[in-house]
Amino acid sequence: MVEVSLLNAPRITVVGSYATGLTMRVERLPSPGETVLGTGYRVDYGGKGSNQAVGCARLGARVSFVARIGKDAFGEMALKLYREEGIDLAHVTQSAGAPTGVGFIIVDASGNNCITIDPGANELLTAADISQGECAFDSAEVVLTQLEIPLAAAAAAMACGRARAAVTILNPAPVRSLTDSVLRLVDILTPNQSEARVLAGRGPDEVIDPEEVARELIRRGVKQVVMTMGEEGAMIVTASSTRRVPALRLTAVDTTGAGDAFNAGLAMALACGASIEDAAQFAVVNGGLAVTKEGVIPSLPHRNEVLRCYRQGGLNPPDWFSNDSWVKDSWGGD
């Protein structure tokens, strides 16, 4: 068990989406107009912003989440999650004019899927909401956002963080074209390789050196790029240097939560004052742990799991994570 004094814990503000995932398995995907029987129906928490907020809270951060959900059962389900995870939900607004975001996922016996998404209330999050909820950004060391919400809201979040000297992190997913004025608000951009190519104006599958792509994004205004590279780990590119961070060698069960865990780990490390190199290494560890479990929320690591991973690997956990005064570690593990 880990007890965290939220009064002194690192502060992270996450601005992003929540969506409920509705999943069903079928033997084969239906043809147009056809009805098929399915099995294994389940309802899951989702939305990159929500996932990353939970990931940060589980690592011990004091998290404020800014989002819009509907006044419906799925919205109440989200609020219950945030209460259980200790997330400040004062700036999670329930909108009567739109339902909570939802995704319908059908997966066949071969693992192929088809997905339809209704963003719902996520589309109602505005720059004005960010301005009206500015107190959510007070004292935040890091502001983390993504692109499952309107771009104006994400840009306003980063501008609000920049005005308060917080580190701004943009996880550009789902990817879309961004102007240089938006990119100049980004301290750390966390794309995967295909997202980085699209942001640089290239084709998503174009064969090109990822470092060259990252440097193009830096020329356009991003301060630093931390590119996720799957089984190859991550790459840090700054204006003057490039460094590779190798991945952990773990048996992957489900990779769907890895990106959100990576971003949560990066945000937590930077909020604790770590260097970009140490933060990326910590993010790789946190993201690697996430692939060892099924599902997104169940896979997001808790603080004690990260400490155990370091110790079992014969490594000393970073001092800024293991010895902070805001944590009372009463976990009875190694």
C-alpha atoms as a PDB file:
ATOM      1  CA  MET A   1       0.000   0.000   0.000  1.00  0.00           C
ATOM      2  CA  VAL A   2       1.213   3.524  -0.765  1.00  0.00           C
ATOM      3  CA  GLU A   3      -0.097   6.581   1.009  1.00  0.00           C
ATOM      4  CA  VAL A   4       0.345   9.892  -0.789  1.00  0.00           C
ATOM      5  CA  SER A   5       0.091  13.348   0.744  1.00  0.00           C
ATOM      6  CA  LEU A   6      -1.696  15.153  -2.063  1.00  0.00           C
ATOM      7  CA  LEU A   7      -0.898  18.498  -0.488  1.00  0.00           C
ATOM      8  CA  ASN A   8       2.788  18.152  -1.377  1.00  0.00           C
ATOM      9  CA  ALA A   9       2.567  15.752  -4.330  1.00  0.00           C
ATOM     10  CA  PRO A  10       3.697  16.853  -7.811  1.00  0.00           C
ATOM     11  CA  ARG A  11       0.826  18.553  -9.623  1.00  0.00           C
ATOM     12  CA  ILE A  12      -0.255  17.604 -13.119  1.00  0.00           C
ATOM     13  CA  THR A  13      -3.185  19.032 -15.057  1.00  0.00           C
ATOM     14  CA  VAL A  14      -4.585  16.820 -17.798  1.00  0.00           C
ATOM     15  CA  VAL A  15      -6.943  18.260 -20.409  1.00  0.00           C
ATOM     16  CA  GLY A  16      -8.564  15.656 -22.600  1.00  0.00           C
ATOM     17  CA  SER A  17     -11.267  13.189 -23.455  1.00  0.00           C
ATOM     18  CA  TYR A  18     -13.324  10.506 -21.815  1.00  0.00           C
ATOM     19  CA  ALA A  19     -15.141   7.817 -23.810  1.00  0.00           C
ATOM     20  CA  THR A  20     -16.779   4.549 -22.850  1.00  0.00           C
ATOM     21  CA  GLY A  21     -15.674   1.573 -24.925  1.00  0.00           C
ATOM     22  CA  LEU A  22     -18.283  -1.064 -25.806  1.00  0.00           C
ATOM     23  CA  THR A  23     -16.626  -4.218 -27.130  1.00  0.00           C
ATOM     24  CA  MET A  24     -18.024  -7.452 -28.555  1.00  0.00           C
ATOM     25  CA  ARG A  25     -16.355 -10.451 -30.198  1.00  0.00           C
ATOM     26  CA  VAL A  26     -17.745 -12.153 -33.303  1.00  0.00           C
ATOM     27  CA  GLU A  27     -16.617 -15.062 -35.465  1.00  0.00           C
ATOM     28  CA  ARG A  28     -16.505 -12.771 -38.484  1.00  0.00           C
ATOM     29  CA  LEU A  29     -17.343  -9.156 -39.182  1.00  0.00           C
ATOM     30  CA  PRO A  30     -20.876  -8.733 -40.564  1.00  0.00           C
ATOM     31  CA  SER A  31     -21.582  -7.809 -44.167  1.00  0.00           C
ATOM     32  CA  PRO A  32     -23.753  -4.735 -44.851  1.00  0.00           C
ATOM     33  CA  GLY A  33     -27.269  -5.357 -43.565  1.00  0.00           C
ATOM     34  CA  GLU A  34     -26.308  -8.608 -41.828  1.00  0.00           C
ATOM     35  CA  THR A  35     -26.840  -9.445 -38.146  1.00  0.00           C
ATOM     36  CA  VAL A  36     -24.378 -11.784 -36.444  1.00  0.00           C
ATOM     37  CA  LEU A  37     -24.242 -13.168 -32.923  1.00  0.00           C
ATOM     38  CA  GLY A  38     -21.510 -11.911 -30.633  1.00  0.00           C
ATOM     39  CA  THR A  39     -19.985 -12.875 -27.298  1.00  0.00           C
ATOM     40  CA  GLY A  40     -17.859 -11.353 -24.569  1.00  0.00           C
ATOM     41  CA  TYR A  41     -19.626  -7.997 -24.435  1.00  0.00           C
ATOM     42  CA  ARG A  42     -17.889  -5.625 -22.059  1.00  0.00           C
ATOM     43  CA  VAL A  43     -17.919  -1.964 -21.076  1.00  0.00           C
ATOM     44  CA  ASP A  44     -14.555  -0.267 -20.525  1.00  0.00           C
ATOM     45  CA  TYR A  45     -13.294   3.133 -19.466  1.00  0.00           C
ATOM     46  CA  GLY A  46     -11.556   4.965 -22.301  1.00  0.00           C
ATOM     47  CA  GLY A  47     -10.395   8.250 -23.749  1.00  0.00           C
ATOM     48  CA  LYS A  48      -6.722   9.161 -23.906  1.00  0.00           C
ATOM     49  CA  GLY A  49      -7.058  12.109 -21.558  1.00  0.00           C
ATOM     50  CA  SER A  50      -8.881  10.066 -18.956  1.00  0.00           C
ATOM     51  CA  ASN A  51      -6.447   7.165 -19.253  1.00  0.00           C
ATOM     52  CA  GLN A  52      -3.451   9.448 -18.839  1.00  0.00           C
ATOM     53  CA  ALA A  53      -5.009  11.214 -15.854  1.00  0.00           C
ATOM     54  CA  VAL A  54      -5.522   7.856 -14.134  1.00  0.00           C
ATOM     55  CA  GLY A  55      -1.975   6.835 -15.048  1.00  0.00           C
ATOM     56  CA  CYS A  56      -0.529   9.976 -13.439  1.00  0.00           C
ATOM     57  CA  ALA A  57      -2.640   9.572 -10.293  1.00  0.00           C
ATOM     58  CA  ARG A  58      -1.527   5.963  -9.840  1.00  0.00           C
ATOM     59  CA  LEU A  59       2.086   7.101  -9.868  1.00  0.00           C
ATOM     60  CA  GLY A  60       1.356   9.482  -7.008  1.00  0.00           C
ATOM     61  CA  ALA A  61       0.657  12.815  -8.693  1.00  0.00           C
ATOM     62  CA  ARG A  62      -1.995  15.278  -7.639  1.00  0.00           C
ATOM     63  CA  VAL A  63      -4.093  15.339 -10.806  1.00  0.00           C
ATOM     64  CA  SER A  64      -6.689  17.816 -12.013  1.00  0.00           C
ATOM     65  CA  PHE A  65      -8.667  16.621 -15.030  1.00  0.00           C
ATOM     66  CA  VAL A  66     -10.420  19.079 -17.359  1.00  0.00           C
ATOM     67  CA  ALA A  67     -13.007  17.418 -19.598  1.00  0.00           C
ATOM     68  CA  ARG A  68     -16.644  17.238 -20.677  1.00  0.00           C
ATOM     69  CA  ILE A  69     -18.900  14.209 -20.246  1.00  0.00           C
ATOM     70  CA  GLY A  70     -22.629  13.694 -20.598  1.00  0.00           C
ATOM     71  CA  LYS A  71     -25.345  13.668 -17.948  1.00  0.00           C
ATOM     72  CA  ASP A  72     -25.921   9.947 -18.379  1.00  0.00           C
ATOM     73  CA  ALA A  73     -24.970   6.568 -16.953  1.00  0.00           C
ATOM     74  CA  PHE A  74     -21.634   6.504 -18.750  1.00  0.00           C
ATOM     75  CA  GLY A  75     -20.836   9.944 -17.355  1.00  0.00           C
ATOM     76  CA  GLU A  76     -21.584   8.748 -13.825  1.00  0.00           C
ATOM     77  CA  MET A  77     -19.349   5.758 -14.509  1.00  0.00           C
ATOM     78  CA  ALA A  78     -16.482   8.131 -15.340  1.00  0.00           C
ATOM     79  CA  LEU A  79     -17.011  10.213 -12.196  1.00  0.00           C
ATOM     80  CA  LYS A  80     -16.929   7.066 -10.080  1.00  0.00           C
ATOM     81  CA  LEU A  81     -13.578   6.137 -11.628  1.00  0.00           C
ATOM     82  CA  TYR A  82     -12.081   9.548 -10.825  1.00  0.00           C
ATOM     83  CA  ARG A  83     -13.261   9.410  -7.230  1.00  0.00           C
ATOM     84  CA  GLU A  84     -11.749   5.958  -6.807  1.00  0.00           C
ATOM     85  CA  GLU A  85      -8.438   7.086  -8.325  1.00  0.00           C
ATOM     86  CA  GLY A  86      -8.220  10.295  -6.283  1.00  0.00           C
ATOM     87  CA  ILE A  87      -8.455  12.634  -9.271  1.00  0.00           C
ATOM     88  CA  ASP A  88      -9.732  16.190  -8.825  1.00  0.00           C
ATOM     89  CA  LEU A  89     -12.923  16.274 -10.895  1.00  0.00           C
ATOM     90  CA  ALA A  90     -13.948  19.852 -10.111  1.00  0.00           C
ATOM     91  CA  HIS A  91     -13.375  20.725 -13.771  1.00  0.00           C
ATOM     92  CA  VAL A  92     -15.072  17.688 -15.295  1.00  0.00           C
ATOM     93  CA  THR A  93     -18.285  19.226 -16.652  1.00  0.00           C
ATOM     94  CA  GLN A  94     -21.438  17.228 -17.329  1.00  0.00           C
ATOM     95  CA  SER A  95     -23.170  18.557 -20.447  1.00  0.00           C
ATOM     96  CA  ALA A  96     -26.893  18.056 -20.949  1.00  0.00           C
ATOM     97  CA  GLY A  97     -26.645  18.773 -24.679  1.00  0.00           C
ATOM     98  CA  ALA A  98     -24.565  15.751 -25.673  1.00  0.00           C
ATOM     99  CA  PRO A  99     -23.991  12.193 -24.452  1.00  0.00           C
ATOM    100  CA  THR A 100     -20.758  10.905 -22.978  1.00  0.00           C
ATOM    101  CA  GLY A 101     -18.336   9.899 -25.722  1.00  0.00           C
ATOM    102  CA  VAL A 102     -18.575   6.265 -26.762  1.00  0.00           C
ATOM    103  CA  GLY A 103     -16.799   3.822 -29.028  1.00  0.00           C
ATOM    104  CA  PHE A 104     -18.288   0.615 -30.489  1.00  0.00           C
ATOM    105  CA  ILE A 105     -15.670  -2.065 -31.149  1.00  0.00           C
ATOM    106  CA  ILE A 106     -16.303  -5.375 -32.906  1.00  0.00           C
ATOM    107  CA  VAL A 107     -13.433  -7.874 -32.993  1.00  0.00           C
ATOM    108  CA  ASP A 108     -13.449 -11.039 -35.108  1.00  0.00           C
ATOM    109  CA  ALA A 109     -11.793 -14.391 -34.402  1.00  0.00           C
ATOM    110  CA  SER A 110      -8.640 -13.334 -36.277  1.00  0.00           C
ATOM    111  CA  GLY A 111      -8.245 -10.135 -34.273  1.00  0.00           C
ATOM    112  CA  ASN A 112      -9.479  -7.840 -37.039  1.00  0.00           C
ATOM    113  CA  ASN A 113     -11.791  -5.118 -35.833  1.00  0.00           C
ATOM    114  CA  CYS A 114     -14.074  -2.322 -36.873  1.00  0.00           C
ATOM    115  CA  ILE A 115     -14.620   0.693 -34.668  1.00  0.00           C
ATOM    116  CA  THR A 116     -17.074   3.554 -34.704  1.00  0.00           C
ATOM    117  CA  ILE A 117     -16.694   6.511 -32.345  1.00  0.00           C
ATOM    118  CA  ASP A 118     -19.097   9.239 -31.301  1.00  0.00           C
ATOM    119  CA  PRO A 119     -17.055  11.908 -29.449  1.00  0.00           C
ATOM    120  CA  GLY A 120     -20.244  13.186 -27.830  1.00  0.00           C
ATOM    121  CA  ALA A 121     -19.596  15.754 -25.103  1.00  0.00           C
ATOM    122  CA  ASN A 122     -15.862  15.787 -25.856  1.00  0.00           C
ATOM    123  CA  GLU A 123     -16.649  17.968 -28.872  1.00  0.00           C
ATOM    124  CA  LEU A 124     -18.141  20.605 -26.562  1.00  0.00           C
ATOM    125  CA  LEU A 125     -14.897  21.313 -24.700  1.00  0.00           C
ATOM    126  CA  THR A 126     -13.831  24.825 -25.679  1.00  0.00           C
ATOM    127  CA  ALA A 127     -11.062  27.331 -25.133  1.00  0.00           C
ATOM    128  CA  ALA A 128     -13.548  29.258 -23.000  1.00  0.00           C
ATOM    129  CA  ASP A 129     -13.862  26.230 -20.707  1.00  0.00           C
ATOM    130  CA  ILE A 130     -10.091  26.344 -20.219  1.00  0.00           C
ATOM    131  CA  SER A 131     -10.181  30.052 -19.410  1.00  0.00           C
ATOM    132  CA  GLN A 132     -13.029  29.620 -16.954  1.00  0.00           C
ATOM    133  CA  GLY A 133     -11.229  26.740 -15.250  1.00  0.00           C
ATOM    134  CA  GLU A 134      -7.817  28.393 -14.987  1.00  0.00           C
ATOM    135  CA  CYS A 135      -7.531  27.522 -11.298  1.00  0.00           C
ATOM    136  CA  ALA A 136      -7.033  23.902 -12.402  1.00  0.00           C
ATOM    137  CA  PHE A 137      -3.642  25.018 -13.757  1.00  0.00           C
ATOM    138  CA  ASP A 138      -2.444  26.875 -10.673  1.00  0.00           C
ATOM    139  CA  SER A 139       0.805  25.384  -9.330  1.00  0.00           C
ATOM    140  CA  ALA A 140       0.828  22.639 -11.978  1.00  0.00           C
ATOM    141  CA  GLU A 141       4.326  21.505 -12.869  1.00  0.00           C
ATOM    142  CA  VAL A 142       3.084  19.791 -16.041  1.00  0.00           C
ATOM    143  CA  VAL A 143       0.125  20.283 -18.389  1.00  0.00           C
ATOM    144  CA  LEU A 144      -0.657  17.237 -20.533  1.00  0.00           C
ATOM    145  CA  THR A 145      -3.133  17.166 -23.413  1.00  0.00           C
ATOM    146  CA  GLN A 146      -4.008  15.199 -26.567  1.00  0.00           C
ATOM    147  CA  LEU A 147      -6.050  15.631 -29.753  1.00  0.00           C
ATOM    148  CA  GLU A 148      -9.239  13.702 -28.956  1.00  0.00           C
ATOM    149  CA  ILE A 149     -10.726  17.079 -28.029  1.00  0.00           C
ATOM    150  CA  PRO A 150     -11.166  20.175 -30.209  1.00  0.00           C
ATOM    151  CA  LEU A 151      -7.806  21.644 -31.175  1.00  0.00           C
ATOM    152  CA  ALA A 152      -8.760  25.056 -29.774  1.00  0.00           C
ATOM    153  CA  ALA A 153      -9.188  23.527 -26.315  1.00  0.00           C
ATOM    154  CA  ALA A 154      -5.870  21.683 -26.480  1.00  0.00           C
ATOM    155  CA  ALA A 155      -4.063  24.825 -27.644  1.00  0.00           C
ATOM    156  CA  ALA A 156      -5.674  26.893 -24.888  1.00  0.00           C
ATOM    157  CA  ALA A 157      -4.563  24.322 -22.317  1.00  0.00           C
ATOM    158  CA  MET A 158      -0.959  24.544 -23.462  1.00  0.00           C
ATOM    159  CA  ALA A 159      -1.065  28.346 -23.552  1.00  0.00           C
ATOM    160  CA  CYS A 160      -2.453  28.346 -20.023  1.00  0.00           C
ATOM    161  CA  GLY A 161       0.305  26.019 -18.869  1.00  0.00           C
ATOM    162  CA  ARG A 162       3.009  28.035 -20.628  1.00  0.00           C
ATOM    163  CA  ALA A 163       1.761  31.224 -18.932  1.00  0.00           C
ATOM    164  CA  ARG A 164       2.282  29.519 -15.558  1.00  0.00           C
ATOM    165  CA  ALA A 165       5.741  28.155 -16.403  1.00  0.00           C
ATOM    166  CA  ALA A 166       4.458  24.576 -16.475  1.00  0.00           C
ATOM    167  CA  VAL A 167       5.986  22.031 -18.852  1.00  0.00           C
ATOM    168  CA  THR A 168       3.521  21.464 -21.708  1.00  0.00           C
ATOM    169  CA  ILE A 169       3.249  17.973 -23.205  1.00  0.00           C
ATOM    170  CA  LEU A 170       1.195  17.250 -26.320  1.00  0.00           C
ATOM    171  CA  ASN A 171       0.433  13.642 -27.214  1.00  0.00           C
ATOM    172  CA  PRO A 172      -0.696  14.236 -30.835  1.00  0.00           C
ATOM    173  CA  ALA A 173      -3.253  11.455 -31.130  1.00  0.00           C
ATOM    174  CA  PRO A 174      -5.330  11.085 -33.165  1.00  0.00           C
ATOM    175  CA  VAL A 175      -2.926  12.943 -35.415  1.00  0.00           C
ATOM    176  CA  ARG A 176      -3.999  15.971 -37.414  1.00  0.00           C
ATOM    177  CA  SER A 177      -2.169  18.825 -39.111  1.00  0.00           C
ATOM    178  CA  LEU A 178      -1.016  21.517 -36.689  1.00  0.00           C
ATOM    179  CA  THR A 179       0.032  25.066 -37.400  1.00  0.00           C
ATOM    180  CA  ASP A 180       3.405  26.399 -36.314  1.00  0.00           C
ATOM    181  CA  SER A 181       1.638  28.672 -33.820  1.00  0.00           C
ATOM    182  CA  VAL A 182       0.268  25.608 -32.027  1.00  0.00           C
ATOM    183  CA  LEU A 183       3.563  23.730 -32.204  1.00  0.00           C
ATOM    184  CA  ARG A 184       5.313  26.687 -30.567  1.00  0.00           C
ATOM    185  CA  LEU A 185       3.184  26.056 -27.450  1.00  0.00           C
ATOM    186  CA  VAL A 186       4.603  22.533 -27.096  1.00  0.00           C
ATOM    187  CA  ASP A 187       7.555  21.938 -24.791  1.00  0.00           C
ATOM    188  CA  ILE A 188       7.547  18.178 -25.376  1.00  0.00           C
ATOM    189  CA  LEU A 189       5.810  16.411 -28.267  1.00  0.00           C
ATOM    190  CA  THR A 190       5.203  12.659 -27.865  1.00  0.00           C
ATOM    191  CA  PRO A 191       4.242  11.203 -31.257  1.00  0.00           C
ATOM    192  CA  ASN A 192       4.780   7.700 -32.530  1.00  0.00           C
ATOM    193  CA  GLN A 193       6.673   7.439 -35.800  1.00  0.00           C
ATOM    194  CA  SER A 194       3.680   7.657 -38.146  1.00  0.00           C
ATOM    195  CA  GLU A 195       2.165  10.573 -36.209  1.00  0.00           C
ATOM    196  CA  ALA A 196       5.463  12.426 -36.398  1.00  0.00           C
ATOM    197  CA  ARG A 197       5.596  11.984 -40.171  1.00  0.00           C
ATOM    198  CA  VAL A 198       2.063  13.357 -40.603  1.00  0.00           C
ATOM    199  CA  LEU A 199       2.817  16.358 -38.377  1.00  0.00           C
ATOM    200  CA  ALA A 200       5.900  17.064 -40.505  1.00  0.00           C
ATOM    201  CA  GLY A 201       3.782  17.016 -43.670  1.00  0.00           C
ATOM    202  CA  ARG A 202       4.927  13.576 -44.814  1.00  0.00           C
ATOM    203  CA  GLY A 203       2.963  10.445 -45.640  1.00  0.00           C
ATOM    204  CA  PRO A 204       2.246   8.248 -42.601  1.00  0.00           C
ATOM    205  CA  ASP A 205       4.124   5.315 -44.197  1.00  0.00           C
ATOM    206  CA  GLU A 206       6.899   7.280 -45.907  1.00  0.00           C
ATOM    207  CA  VAL A 207      10.359   5.802 -45.412  1.00  0.00           C
ATOM    208  CA  ILE A 208      12.377   8.528 -43.715  1.00  0.00           C
ATOM    209  CA  ASP A 209      14.827   8.796 -40.829  1.00  0.00           C
ATOM    210  CA  PRO A 210      12.748   9.487 -37.668  1.00  0.00           C
ATOM    211  CA  GLU A 211      15.434  11.853 -36.361  1.00  0.00           C
ATOM    212  CA  GLU A 212      15.070  13.963 -39.498  1.00  0.00           C
ATOM    213  CA  VAL A 213      11.310  14.121 -38.940  1.00  0.00           C
ATOM    214  CA  ALA A 214      11.776  15.144 -35.306  1.00  0.00           C
ATOM    215  CA  ARG A 215      14.203  17.900 -36.264  1.00  0.00           C
ATOM    216  CA  GLU A 216      11.691  19.268 -38.771  1.00  0.00           C
ATOM    217  CA  LEU A 217       9.162  19.542 -35.949  1.00  0.00           C
ATOM    218  CA  ILE A 218      11.713  21.311 -33.763  1.00  0.00           C
ATOM    219  CA  ARG A 219      12.420  23.772 -36.571  1.00  0.00           C
ATOM    220  CA  ARG A 220       8.703  24.499 -36.663  1.00  0.00           C
ATOM    221  CA  GLY A 221       8.604  25.412 -32.973  1.00  0.00           C
ATOM    222  CA  VAL A 222       8.450  22.310 -30.770  1.00  0.00           C
ATOM    223  CA  LYS A 223      11.126  22.476 -28.064  1.00  0.00           C
ATOM    224  CA  GLN A 224      11.767  18.743 -27.739  1.00  0.00           C
ATOM    225  CA  VAL A 225      10.433  15.529 -29.265  1.00  0.00           C
ATOM    226  CA  VAL A 226      10.155  12.247 -27.377  1.00  0.00           C
ATOM    227  CA  MET A 227       9.148   9.781 -30.071  1.00  0.00           C
ATOM    228  CA  THR A 228       7.766   6.380 -29.095  1.00  0.00           C
ATOM    229  CA  MET A 229       9.152   3.568 -31.245  1.00  0.00           C
ATOM    230  CA  GLY A 230       7.382   0.439 -30.049  1.00  0.00           C
ATOM    231  CA  GLU A 231       9.738  -2.443 -29.368  1.00  0.00           C
ATOM    232  CA  GLU A 232      12.689  -0.120 -30.009  1.00  0.00           C
ATOM    233  CA  GLY A 233      11.819   2.072 -27.027  1.00  0.00           C
ATOM    234  CA  ALA A 234      11.915   5.837 -27.511  1.00  0.00           C
ATOM    235  CA  MET A 235      14.048   8.559 -29.047  1.00  0.00           C
ATOM    236  CA  ILE A 236      14.711  11.978 -27.521  1.00  0.00           C
ATOM    237  CA  VAL A 237      15.509  14.742 -29.991  1.00  0.00           C
ATOM    238  CA  THR A 238      16.411  18.254 -28.889  1.00  0.00           C
ATOM    239  CA  ALA A 239      17.841  21.171 -30.858  1.00  0.00           C
ATOM    240  CA  SER A 240      21.363  19.925 -30.160  1.00  0.00           C
ATOM    241  CA  SER A 241      21.218  16.200 -29.418  1.00  0.00           C
ATOM    242  CA  THR A 242      19.609  12.819 -30.055  1.00  0.00           C
ATOM    243  CA  ARG A 243      19.424   9.929 -27.622  1.00  0.00           C
ATOM    244  CA  ARG A 244      17.835   6.484 -27.883  1.00  0.00           C
ATOM    245  CA  VAL A 245      16.173   4.862 -24.875  1.00  0.00           C
ATOM    246  CA  PRO A 246      15.860   1.073 -25.251  1.00  0.00           C
ATOM    247  CA  ALA A 247      12.611  -0.715 -24.439  1.00  0.00           C
ATOM    248  CA  LEU A 248      12.177  -3.173 -21.589  1.00  0.00           C
ATOM    249  CA  ARG A 249      12.267  -6.843 -22.539  1.00  0.00           C
ATOM    250  CA  LEU A 250       8.863  -7.922 -21.275  1.00  0.00           C
ATOM    251  CA  THR A 251       6.291 -10.382 -22.623  1.00  0.00           C
ATOM    252  CA  ALA A 252       3.528  -8.358 -24.255  1.00  0.00           C
ATOM    253  CA  VAL A 253      -0.058  -9.386 -23.540  1.00  0.00           C
ATOM    254  CA  ASP A 254      -1.900  -6.264 -24.738  1.00  0.00           C
ATOM    255  CA  THR A 255      -0.240  -3.117 -26.079  1.00  0.00           C
ATOM    256  CA  THR A 256      -3.311  -0.855 -26.083  1.00  0.00           C
ATOM    257  CA  GLY A 257      -2.426   0.922 -22.828  1.00  0.00           C
ATOM    258  CA  ALA A 258       1.281   1.403 -23.523  1.00  0.00           C
ATOM    259  CA  GLY A 259       1.098   4.872 -25.070  1.00  0.00           C
ATOM    260  CA  ASP A 260      -1.052   6.309 -22.306  1.00  0.00           C
ATOM    261  CA  ALA A 261       1.174   4.775 -19.630  1.00  0.00           C
ATOM    262  CA  PHE A 262       4.248   6.191 -21.411  1.00  0.00           C
ATOM    263  CA  ASN A 263       2.797   9.706 -21.397  1.00  0.00           C
ATOM    264  CA  ALA A 264       1.727   9.413 -17.762  1.00  0.00           C
ATOM    265  CA  GLY A 265       5.214   8.270 -16.782  1.00  0.00           C
ATOM    266  CA  LEU A 266       6.855  11.099 -18.712  1.00  0.00           C
ATOM    267  CA  ALA A 267       4.554  13.688 -17.129  1.00  0.00           C
ATOM    268  CA  MET A 268       5.121  12.317 -13.632  1.00  0.00           C
ATOM    269  CA  ALA A 269       8.903  12.286 -13.973  1.00  0.00           C
ATOM    270  CA  LEU A 270       9.027  15.844 -15.292  1.00  0.00           C
ATOM    271  CA  ALA A 271       6.671  17.008 -12.534  1.00  0.00           C
ATOM    272  CA  CYS A 272       9.154  15.530 -10.050  1.00  0.00           C
ATOM    273  CA  GLY A 273      11.970  17.560 -11.598  1.00  0.00           C
ATOM    274  CA  ALA A 274      13.671  14.813 -13.626  1.00  0.00           C
ATOM    275  CA  SER A 275      15.751  15.609 -16.690  1.00  0.00           C
ATOM    276  CA  ILE A 276      14.258  14.821 -20.089  1.00  0.00           C
ATOM    277  CA  GLU A 277      16.605  11.817 -20.397  1.00  0.00           C
ATOM    278  CA  ASP A 278      15.616  10.374 -17.021  1.00  0.00           C
ATOM    279  CA  ALA A 279      11.949  11.157 -17.675  1.00  0.00           C
ATOM    280  CA  ALA A 280      11.997   9.285 -20.984  1.00  0.00           C
ATOM    281  CA  GLN A 281      13.669   6.293 -19.339  1.00  0.00           C
ATOM    282  CA  PHE A 282      11.008   6.266 -16.629  1.00  0.00           C
ATOM    283  CA  ALA A 283       8.274   6.580 -19.271  1.00  0.00           C
ATOM    284  CA  VAL A 284       9.671   3.556 -21.112  1.00  0.00           C
ATOM    285  CA  VAL A 285       9.560   1.520 -17.894  1.00  0.00           C
ATOM    286  CA  ASN A 286       5.989   2.608 -17.134  1.00  0.00           C
ATOM    287  CA  GLY A 287       4.832   1.975 -20.714  1.00  0.00           C
ATOM    288  CA  GLY A 288       6.583  -1.384 -20.772  1.00  0.00           C
ATOM    289  CA  LEU A 289       4.807  -2.535 -17.641  1.00  0.00           C
ATOM    290  CA  ALA A 290       1.454  -1.660 -19.207  1.00  0.00           C
ATOM    291  CA  VAL A 291       1.823  -4.229 -21.997  1.00  0.00           C
ATOM    292  CA  THR A 292       1.974  -7.099 -19.507  1.00  0.00           C
ATOM    293  CA  LYS A 293      -1.751  -6.868 -18.663  1.00  0.00           C
ATOM    294  CA  GLU A 294      -4.960  -6.857 -20.687  1.00  0.00           C
ATOM    295  CA  GLY A 295      -7.069  -3.730 -20.962  1.00  0.00           C
ATOM    296  CA  VAL A 296      -6.057  -0.104 -20.582  1.00  0.00           C
ATOM    297  CA  ILE A 297      -7.170   0.940 -17.089  1.00  0.00           C
ATOM    298  CA  PRO A 298      -6.207  -2.423 -15.524  1.00  0.00           C
ATOM    299  CA  SER A 299      -2.759  -2.172 -17.139  1.00  0.00           C
ATOM    300  CA  LEU A 300      -1.828   1.335 -15.962  1.00  0.00           C
ATOM    301  CA  PRO A 301       0.880   0.756 -13.335  1.00  0.00           C
ATOM    302  CA  HIS A 302       0.630   1.788  -9.706  1.00  0.00           C
ATOM    303  CA  ARG A 303       3.636   3.291  -7.978  1.00  0.00           C
ATOM    304  CA  ASN A 304       4.517   0.102  -6.103  1.00  0.00           C
ATOM    305  CA  GLU A 305       4.543  -1.896  -9.347  1.00  0.00           C
ATOM    306  CA  VAL A 306       7.065   0.480 -10.875  1.00  0.00           C
ATOM    307  CA  LEU A 307       9.284   0.315  -7.800  1.00  0.00           C
ATOM    308  CA  ARG A 308       9.109  -3.472  -7.875  1.00  0.00           C
ATOM    309  CA  CYS A 309      10.038  -3.529 -11.585  1.00  0.00           C
ATOM    310  CA  TYR A 310      13.189  -1.528 -10.901  1.00  0.00           C
ATOM    311  CA  ARG A 311      14.149  -3.677  -7.930  1.00  0.00           C
ATOM    312  CA  GLN A 312      13.522  -6.972  -9.657  1.00  0.00           C
ATOM    313  CA  GLY A 313      15.700  -5.776 -12.513  1.00  0.00           C
ATOM    314  CA  GLY A 314      18.526  -5.083 -10.091  1.00  0.00           C
ATOM    315  CA  LEU A 315      18.209  -1.315 -10.574  1.00  0.00           C
ATOM    316  CA  ASN A 316      17.810   1.478  -8.080  1.00  0.00           C
ATOM    317  CA  PRO A 317      14.589   3.432  -8.584  1.00  0.00           C
ATOM    318  CA  PRO A 318      15.168   7.139  -9.304  1.00  0.00           C
ATOM    319  CA  ASP A 319      15.599   9.140  -6.097  1.00  0.00           C
ATOM    320  CA  TRP A 320      12.996  11.655  -7.187  1.00  0.00           C
ATOM    321  CA  PHE A 321      10.429   8.847  -7.412  1.00  0.00           C
ATOM    322  CA  SER A 322      11.344   6.555  -4.538  1.00  0.00           C
ATOM    323  CA  ASN A 323      12.463   8.963  -1.817  1.00  0.00           C
ATOM    324  CA  ASP A 324      10.136  11.940  -2.074  1.00  0.00           C
ATOM    325  CA  SER A 325       8.826  13.322   1.198  1.00  0.00           C
ATOM    326  CA  TRP A 326       5.258  13.399  -0.107  1.00  0.00           C
ATOM    327  CA  VAL A 327       5.114   9.605  -0.234  1.00  0.00           C
ATOM    328  CA  LYS A 328       4.816   7.239   2.698  1.00  0.00           C
ATOM    329  CA  ASP A 329       5.661   3.878   1.207  1.00  0.00           C
ATOM    330  CA  SER A 330       3.990   1.286   3.410  1.00  0.00           C
ATOM    331  CA  TRP A 331       3.929  -1.318   0.647  1.00  0.00           C
ATOM    332  CA  GLY A 332       5.228  -4.600   1.993  1.00  0.00           C
ATOM    333  CA  GLY A 333       7.027  -5.743  -1.169  1.00  0.00           C
ATOM    334  CA  ASP A 334      10.702  -6.033  -1.994  1.00  0.00           C
END
